[in-house]
Amino acid sequence: MAGKTVFILGASRGIGLGLVREFLGRGWHVVASERSKSEDLHALECEALEIVTCDVTRPDSYGALGLGDATLDAIVINAGITGARHQNASQATADEVAEVMMTNAFGPARAAKALLPSLKAGGTLAVMSSLMGSVADSSGGYELYRTSKAALNMLAKGIAEQDAGPRDISVLSLHPGWVQTDMGGPNAKLTVAESVGGLADVIEGAGGGGFRFVDYAGKDLPF
């Protein structure tokens, strides 16, 4: 994949940082964003890595990146918070709902639409979702987080249908698995390296346009 370029929004730690390492190891040029300086990200500095500042909840920050038209082969929007600890729709305040929905759903969708002109025809747009956003698979609980990821899936499918289709851009809602990150915790089944290796395979193998809700192993998930 030499000569390919990926933009990773949200690359300061966890899965985002792991994806930076993975794509650099595969010979990609990587543009990686951070909200504030990440020592772990800057420790990877090399000729193939460009670090920029961006916040998915601030449109001015990604609108001013100046990535250029049709310069990227892939975009990965990796943004997500769990939301209020109680995770209960009955207890949620308007501010708690707004925070989780803007960070997990509407912020990523807005960033995706703003950045689409930077993707080459036939490129890949990926948003970091979760199996917990599957309506068909839901077992209840984690109501704020589940709802935000279900909304992200819906918004991503809409982008595929309305915005990305004319240029055969593939849109992926990615489930990284249960991963040993700050959010996933130490008891999670997958290491970051295992998850991002699979995610990178899925991104590299995408093509032909359309929408997929898919996990790190390439398995299609129930919407």
Protein backbone atom coordinates (compact mmCIF):
# COMPACT_ATOMS: atom_id res chain seq x y z
CA MET A 1 0.00 0.00 0.00
CA ALA A 2 2.97 2.31 -0.54
CA GLY A 3 1.87 5.75 -1.67
CA LYS A 4 -1.51 5.52 0.07
CA THR A 5 -2.61 8.20 2.55
CA VAL A 6 -5.03 7.90 5.47
CA PHE A 7 -6.39 10.60 7.75
CA ILE A 8 -7.18 9.39 11.28
CA LEU A 9 -9.32 11.76 13.32
CA GLY A 10 -8.80 10.99 16.99
CA ALA A 11 -5.35 9.40 17.11
CA SER A 12 -3.91 10.42 20.45
CA ARG A 13 -4.48 7.14 22.30
CA GLY A 14 -6.14 3.73 22.26
CA ILE A 15 -7.48 2.43 18.96
CA GLY A 16 -6.71 5.65 17.09
CA LEU A 17 -3.06 5.56 18.15
CA GLY A 18 -2.93 1.86 17.35
CA LEU A 19 -4.22 2.56 13.84
CA VAL A 20 -1.46 5.12 13.32
CA ARG A 21 1.14 2.49 14.21
CA GLU A 22 -0.55 -0.13 12.05
CA PHE A 23 -0.85 1.99 8.91
CA LEU A 24 2.70 3.32 9.26
CA GLY A 25 3.86 -0.28 9.50
CA ARG A 26 1.99 -1.06 6.27
CA GLY A 27 3.75 1.71 4.38
CA TRP A 28 0.93 4.28 4.37
CA HIS A 29 1.40 8.00 4.80
CA VAL A 30 -0.62 8.96 7.88
CA VAL A 31 -2.21 12.27 8.82
CA ALA A 32 -3.20 11.93 12.49
CA SER A 33 -5.18 14.35 14.60
CA GLU A 34 -5.05 15.13 18.31
CA ARG A 35 -7.12 17.54 20.43
CA SER A 36 -4.14 18.39 22.64
CA LYS A 37 -0.55 17.21 22.48
CA SER A 38 -0.21 13.44 22.86
CA GLU A 39 3.29 12.37 23.86
CA ASP A 40 2.58 8.83 22.64
CA LEU A 41 1.56 10.09 19.21
CA HIS A 42 4.50 12.45 18.90
CA ALA A 43 6.85 9.61 19.86
CA LEU A 44 5.95 8.06 16.48
CA GLU A 45 7.04 11.14 14.50
CA CYS A 46 8.66 10.23 11.20
CA GLU A 47 8.65 11.32 7.57
CA ALA A 48 5.46 9.36 6.87
CA LEU A 49 3.49 10.90 9.76
CA GLU A 50 1.87 14.33 9.82
CA ILE A 51 0.23 15.43 13.08
CA VAL A 52 -2.57 18.00 13.12
CA THR A 53 -4.92 19.42 15.75
CA CYS A 54 -8.63 18.68 15.51
CA ASP A 55 -11.73 18.17 17.69
CA VAL A 56 -14.69 16.26 16.28
CA THR A 57 -17.12 18.48 18.20
CA ARG A 58 -15.65 21.70 16.72
CA PRO A 59 -16.39 22.05 12.99
CA ASP A 60 -13.98 24.97 12.63
CA SER A 61 -11.09 22.70 13.67
CA TYR A 62 -11.53 20.14 10.89
CA GLY A 63 -12.87 22.62 8.40
CA ALA A 64 -9.53 24.44 8.55
CA LEU A 65 -7.26 21.42 8.08
CA GLY A 66 -6.63 22.18 4.42
CA LEU A 67 -6.23 18.55 3.37
CA GLY A 68 -6.97 19.43 -0.26
CA ASP A 69 -9.34 17.84 -2.75
CA ALA A 70 -9.00 14.13 -3.54
CA THR A 71 -5.72 13.70 -1.63
CA LEU A 72 -6.71 10.86 0.71
CA ASP A 73 -7.29 7.16 0.09
CA ALA A 74 -9.03 6.61 3.42
CA ILE A 75 -10.50 8.55 6.31
CA VAL A 76 -11.05 7.03 9.76
CA ILE A 77 -13.14 9.01 12.22
CA ASN A 78 -12.36 7.57 15.63
CA ALA A 79 -14.35 9.44 18.25
CA GLY A 80 -16.33 8.18 21.17
CA ILE A 81 -17.19 8.54 24.85
CA THR A 82 -19.24 6.26 27.06
CA GLY A 83 -21.40 9.09 28.32
CA ALA A 84 -22.90 9.60 31.77
CA ARG A 85 -22.02 6.86 34.23
CA HIS A 86 -25.66 6.01 34.99
CA GLN A 87 -26.40 5.27 31.27
CA ASN A 88 -30.12 5.53 32.00
CA ALA A 89 -32.50 7.32 29.64
CA SER A 90 -34.84 8.11 32.53
CA GLN A 91 -32.11 9.92 34.45
CA ALA A 92 -30.32 11.60 31.55
CA THR A 93 -30.20 15.37 31.49
CA ALA A 94 -30.36 17.38 28.28
CA ASP A 95 -26.66 18.19 28.62
CA GLU A 96 -25.73 14.52 29.05
CA VAL A 97 -27.72 13.53 25.97
CA ALA A 98 -26.23 16.38 23.95
CA GLU A 99 -22.67 15.48 24.94
CA VAL A 100 -22.85 11.81 23.97
CA MET A 101 -24.81 12.42 20.77
CA MET A 102 -22.57 15.24 19.55
CA THR A 103 -19.35 13.33 20.32
CA ASN A 104 -20.42 9.87 19.14
CA ALA A 105 -22.87 10.56 16.31
CA PHE A 106 -23.46 14.04 14.95
CA GLY A 107 -19.87 15.25 15.35
CA PRO A 108 -18.42 12.30 13.42
CA ALA A 109 -21.13 12.57 10.73
CA ARG A 110 -20.53 16.29 10.33
CA ALA A 111 -16.78 15.74 10.11
CA ALA A 112 -17.30 12.97 7.56
CA LYS A 113 -19.38 15.20 5.31
CA ALA A 114 -16.91 18.08 5.60
CA LEU A 115 -13.93 15.85 4.79
CA LEU A 116 -15.49 13.88 1.91
CA PRO A 117 -14.05 16.19 -0.79
CA SER A 118 -10.57 15.18 0.41
CA LEU A 119 -11.26 11.51 -0.40
CA LYS A 120 -10.32 10.15 -3.80
CA ALA A 121 -13.00 8.49 -5.89
CA GLY A 122 -13.19 4.85 -4.83
CA GLY A 123 -11.73 5.67 -1.41
CA THR A 124 -12.95 4.54 2.00
CA LEU A 125 -14.64 6.47 4.78
CA ALA A 126 -14.77 4.64 8.12
CA VAL A 127 -16.41 5.66 11.38
CA MET A 128 -15.72 3.90 14.66
CA SER A 129 -19.01 2.40 15.79
CA SER A 130 -19.80 -0.58 18.02
CA LEU A 131 -21.87 -3.74 18.00
CA MET A 132 -23.73 -2.04 20.85
CA GLY A 133 -25.18 0.23 18.17
CA SER A 134 -26.98 -2.69 16.54
CA VAL A 135 -30.75 -2.49 17.06
CA ALA A 136 -31.19 -6.14 16.04
CA ASP A 137 -28.55 -7.35 18.51
CA SER A 138 -29.42 -5.08 21.45
CA SER A 139 -29.97 -6.65 24.86
CA GLY A 140 -30.72 -3.32 26.56
CA GLY A 141 -28.67 -1.36 29.04
CA TYR A 142 -26.03 1.30 28.31
CA GLU A 143 -28.87 3.33 26.85
CA LEU A 144 -26.96 6.55 26.15
CA TYR A 145 -23.99 4.83 24.53
CA ARG A 146 -26.10 2.34 22.53
CA THR A 147 -28.41 5.06 21.22
CA SER A 148 -25.51 7.27 20.13
CA LYS A 149 -23.84 4.45 18.19
CA ALA A 150 -27.15 3.40 16.58
CA ALA A 151 -27.53 7.02 15.48
CA LEU A 152 -23.99 7.00 14.09
CA ASN A 153 -24.77 3.90 12.03
CA MET A 154 -27.88 5.54 10.62
CA LEU A 155 -26.01 8.72 9.77
CA ALA A 156 -23.17 6.77 8.14
CA LYS A 157 -25.61 4.83 5.97
CA GLY A 158 -27.20 8.10 4.93
CA ILE A 159 -23.80 9.47 3.93
CA ALA A 160 -23.21 6.37 1.83
CA GLU A 161 -26.57 6.74 0.10
CA GLN A 162 -26.63 10.50 -0.43
CA ASP A 163 -23.09 11.88 -0.35
CA ALA A 164 -20.53 9.18 -1.12
CA GLY A 165 -22.32 7.17 -3.80
CA PRO A 166 -21.57 9.29 -6.88
CA ARG A 167 -17.82 8.74 -6.42
CA ASP A 168 -17.99 5.07 -5.38
CA ILE A 169 -16.69 5.83 -1.90
CA SER A 170 -17.13 2.92 0.51
CA VAL A 171 -18.57 3.83 3.92
CA LEU A 172 -17.85 1.55 6.88
CA SER A 173 -19.29 1.53 10.39
CA LEU A 174 -16.59 -0.41 12.22
CA HIS A 175 -16.93 -2.49 15.37
CA PRO A 176 -13.41 -2.83 16.83
CA GLY A 177 -14.36 -5.60 19.24
CA TRP A 178 -13.97 -5.47 23.01
CA VAL A 179 -10.51 -3.93 23.25
CA GLN A 180 -8.07 -3.34 26.10
CA THR A 181 -8.27 0.46 26.08
CA ASP A 182 -9.22 3.01 28.74
CA MET A 183 -12.85 2.54 27.67
CA GLY A 184 -12.75 -1.24 27.23
CA GLY A 185 -10.80 -1.95 30.41
CA PRO A 186 -8.05 -4.49 31.16
CA ASN A 187 -10.37 -7.52 31.01
CA ALA A 188 -11.32 -6.97 27.37
CA LYS A 189 -10.73 -9.89 25.00
CA LEU A 190 -8.61 -8.10 22.38
CA THR A 191 -5.36 -6.20 22.53
CA VAL A 192 -5.19 -2.94 20.61
CA ALA A 193 -2.75 -4.55 18.16
CA GLU A 194 -5.18 -7.42 17.43
CA SER A 195 -8.09 -5.06 16.86
CA VAL A 196 -6.33 -2.52 14.67
CA GLY A 197 -4.68 -5.22 12.57
CA GLY A 198 -8.12 -6.50 11.65
CA LEU A 199 -9.58 -3.02 11.18
CA ALA A 200 -6.76 -2.07 8.80
CA ASP A 201 -7.37 -5.26 6.79
CA VAL A 202 -11.06 -4.33 6.46
CA ILE A 203 -10.24 -0.76 5.40
CA GLU A 204 -7.63 -1.89 2.87
CA GLY A 205 -10.03 -4.48 1.48
CA ALA A 206 -12.99 -2.13 1.07
CA GLY A 207 -14.05 -1.00 -2.37
CA GLY A 208 -16.89 -0.62 -4.78
CA GLY A 209 -18.90 1.88 -2.78
CA GLY A 210 -21.90 1.26 -0.57
CA PHE A 211 -22.29 0.85 3.19
CA ARG A 212 -21.22 -1.93 5.54
CA PHE A 213 -21.59 -2.38 9.29
CA VAL A 214 -18.69 -4.71 9.93
CA ASP A 215 -16.39 -5.89 12.71
CA TYR A 216 -12.60 -6.03 12.93
CA ALA A 217 -12.61 -9.58 11.51
CA GLY A 218 -14.57 -8.55 8.41
CA LYS A 219 -17.90 -10.02 9.59
CA ASP A 220 -21.03 -8.14 8.57
CA LEU A 221 -23.15 -7.20 11.58
CA PRO A 222 -26.95 -6.91 11.97
CA PHE A 223 -28.09 -3.34 11.54
